[in-house]
Amino acid sequence: WYGARSGTGILDGWLVHDTDTAEVPGVEVARVPLIMTDPDATADMVRSALDLMGTLL
């Protein structure tokens, strides 16, 4: 399930914590702060997800 949608998985993109080193073959991985400590941090994370989505369209 955690593979690329181009294979047998369901992912096109994946946000991981900025200190993580995870890689998924065929999936665009973006390293960003994921801790939603306040509204601004949450908005930054959402923007990162939208930016990643924009690169995949």
N, C-alpha and C. Protein backbone atom coordinates (compact mmCIF):
# COMPACT_ATOMS: atom_id res chain seq x y z
N TRP A 1 0.81 -1.19 0.00
CA TRP A 1 0.00 0.00 0.00
C TRP A 1 0.85 1.26 0.00
N TYR A 2 2.03 1.18 0.53
CA TYR A 2 2.83 2.38 0.67
C TYR A 2 3.78 2.61 -0.49
N GLY A 3 3.50 1.98 -1.59
CA GLY A 3 4.33 2.19 -2.76
C GLY A 3 3.72 3.22 -3.69
N ALA A 4 4.37 3.38 -4.81
CA ALA A 4 3.90 4.34 -5.82
C ALA A 4 2.63 3.84 -6.49
N ARG A 5 1.76 4.77 -6.82
CA ARG A 5 0.53 4.42 -7.51
C ARG A 5 0.84 3.85 -8.89
N SER A 6 1.99 4.23 -9.45
CA SER A 6 2.38 3.69 -10.76
C SER A 6 2.70 2.20 -10.68
N GLY A 7 2.86 1.69 -9.46
CA GLY A 7 3.08 0.26 -9.24
C GLY A 7 1.84 -0.34 -8.60
N THR A 8 2.01 -0.87 -7.40
CA THR A 8 0.88 -1.49 -6.70
C THR A 8 0.43 -0.68 -5.49
N GLY A 9 1.00 0.50 -5.30
CA GLY A 9 0.68 1.33 -4.14
C GLY A 9 -0.39 2.35 -4.40
N ILE A 10 -0.53 3.28 -3.45
CA ILE A 10 -1.57 4.30 -3.55
C ILE A 10 -1.01 5.72 -3.47
N LEU A 11 0.33 5.86 -3.44
CA LEU A 11 0.93 7.18 -3.20
C LEU A 11 1.51 7.80 -4.46
N ASP A 12 1.34 9.09 -4.61
CA ASP A 12 2.05 9.88 -5.61
C ASP A 12 3.07 10.77 -4.92
N GLY A 13 2.73 11.27 -3.74
CA GLY A 13 3.60 12.15 -2.97
C GLY A 13 3.41 11.88 -1.49
N TRP A 14 4.45 12.27 -0.72
CA TRP A 14 4.41 11.96 0.71
C TRP A 14 5.21 13.01 1.46
N LEU A 15 4.61 13.61 2.47
CA LEU A 15 5.33 14.52 3.36
C LEU A 15 5.93 13.71 4.49
N VAL A 16 7.21 13.95 4.78
CA VAL A 16 7.86 13.33 5.93
C VAL A 16 8.51 14.42 6.75
N HIS A 17 8.78 14.13 8.01
CA HIS A 17 9.42 15.11 8.88
C HIS A 17 10.77 15.52 8.30
N ASP A 18 11.13 16.76 8.51
CA ASP A 18 12.34 17.31 7.88
C ASP A 18 13.63 16.62 8.30
N THR A 19 13.61 15.83 9.36
CA THR A 19 14.80 15.08 9.75
C THR A 19 14.75 13.62 9.30
N ASP A 20 13.66 13.22 8.68
CA ASP A 20 13.50 11.84 8.23
C ASP A 20 14.27 11.61 6.94
N THR A 21 14.69 10.40 6.72
CA THR A 21 15.43 10.06 5.50
C THR A 21 14.66 9.08 4.63
N ALA A 22 13.37 8.95 4.86
CA ALA A 22 12.56 7.97 4.13
C ALA A 22 12.55 8.26 2.63
N GLU A 23 12.62 7.21 1.87
CA GLU A 23 12.49 7.27 0.42
C GLU A 23 11.53 6.16 0.01
N VAL A 24 10.68 6.45 -0.96
CA VAL A 24 9.79 5.45 -1.51
C VAL A 24 9.99 5.49 -3.02
N PRO A 25 10.48 4.42 -3.62
CA PRO A 25 10.71 4.42 -5.06
C PRO A 25 9.46 4.82 -5.84
N GLY A 26 9.61 5.79 -6.72
CA GLY A 26 8.50 6.23 -7.55
C GLY A 26 7.57 7.23 -6.90
N VAL A 27 7.84 7.62 -5.65
CA VAL A 27 7.00 8.56 -4.92
C VAL A 27 7.82 9.81 -4.61
N GLU A 28 7.25 10.97 -4.90
CA GLU A 28 7.90 12.24 -4.57
C GLU A 28 7.80 12.46 -3.07
N VAL A 29 8.94 12.57 -2.40
CA VAL A 29 8.98 12.75 -0.95
C VAL A 29 9.45 14.17 -0.64
N ALA A 30 8.68 14.89 0.18
CA ALA A 30 9.05 16.24 0.59
C ALA A 30 9.30 16.24 2.09
N ARG A 31 10.45 16.76 2.49
CA ARG A 31 10.80 16.84 3.91
C ARG A 31 10.43 18.22 4.44
N VAL A 32 9.51 18.24 5.39
CA VAL A 32 9.01 19.50 5.96
C VAL A 32 8.75 19.32 7.45
N PRO A 33 8.72 20.41 8.22
CA PRO A 33 8.31 20.30 9.62
C PRO A 33 6.84 19.84 9.69
N LEU A 34 6.57 18.79 10.42
CA LEU A 34 5.21 18.25 10.48
C LEU A 34 4.51 18.48 11.81
N ILE A 35 5.19 19.05 12.77
CA ILE A 35 4.58 19.28 14.08
C ILE A 35 3.73 20.54 14.00
N MET A 36 2.43 20.37 14.25
CA MET A 36 1.49 21.49 14.17
C MET A 36 1.44 22.21 15.52
N THR A 37 2.47 22.99 15.78
CA THR A 37 2.61 23.66 17.08
C THR A 37 1.72 24.87 17.23
N ASP A 38 1.30 25.45 16.11
CA ASP A 38 0.45 26.64 16.14
C ASP A 38 -0.17 26.79 14.75
N PRO A 39 -1.12 27.72 14.59
CA PRO A 39 -1.78 27.88 13.29
C PRO A 39 -0.81 28.18 12.14
N ASP A 40 0.24 28.95 12.40
CA ASP A 40 1.20 29.26 11.33
C ASP A 40 1.96 28.01 10.89
N ALA A 41 2.38 27.20 11.83
CA ALA A 41 3.09 25.96 11.50
C ALA A 41 2.18 25.01 10.72
N THR A 42 0.92 24.94 11.13
CA THR A 42 -0.04 24.11 10.42
C THR A 42 -0.25 24.61 9.00
N ALA A 43 -0.39 25.91 8.84
CA ALA A 43 -0.57 26.50 7.51
C ALA A 43 0.65 26.23 6.63
N ASP A 44 1.85 26.30 7.20
CA ASP A 44 3.07 26.00 6.43
C ASP A 44 3.06 24.56 5.94
N MET A 45 2.63 23.64 6.81
CA MET A 45 2.58 22.24 6.41
C MET A 45 1.56 22.02 5.29
N VAL A 46 0.41 22.65 5.41
CA VAL A 46 -0.62 22.54 4.37
C VAL A 46 -0.10 23.12 3.06
N ARG A 47 0.58 24.27 3.12
CA ARG A 47 1.17 24.85 1.90
C ARG A 47 2.17 23.89 1.27
N SER A 48 2.95 23.23 2.09
CA SER A 48 3.92 22.26 1.57
C SER A 48 3.21 21.12 0.85
N ALA A 49 2.11 20.65 1.42
CA ALA A 49 1.34 19.58 0.78
C ALA A 49 0.77 20.06 -0.56
N LEU A 50 0.25 21.27 -0.59
CA LEU A 50 -0.30 21.80 -1.84
C LEU A 50 0.80 22.03 -2.87
N ASP A 51 1.97 22.50 -2.42
CA ASP A 51 3.09 22.66 -3.34
C ASP A 51 3.51 21.32 -3.93
N LEU A 52 3.58 20.30 -3.09
CA LEU A 52 3.94 18.97 -3.57
C LEU A 52 2.90 18.47 -4.56
N MET A 53 1.64 18.66 -4.24
CA MET A 53 0.57 18.23 -5.14
C MET A 53 0.70 18.94 -6.49
N GLY A 54 1.05 20.23 -6.46
CA GLY A 54 1.19 20.98 -7.70
C GLY A 54 2.30 20.45 -8.58
N THR A 55 3.35 19.90 -7.99
CA THR A 55 4.44 19.33 -8.80
C THR A 55 4.05 18.00 -9.41
N LEU A 56 3.01 17.39 -8.89
CA LEU A 56 2.60 16.07 -9.37
C LEU A 56 1.51 16.12 -10.42
N LEU A 57 0.91 17.27 -10.61
CA LEU A 57 -0.18 17.38 -11.59
C LEU A 57 0.35 17.56 -12.98
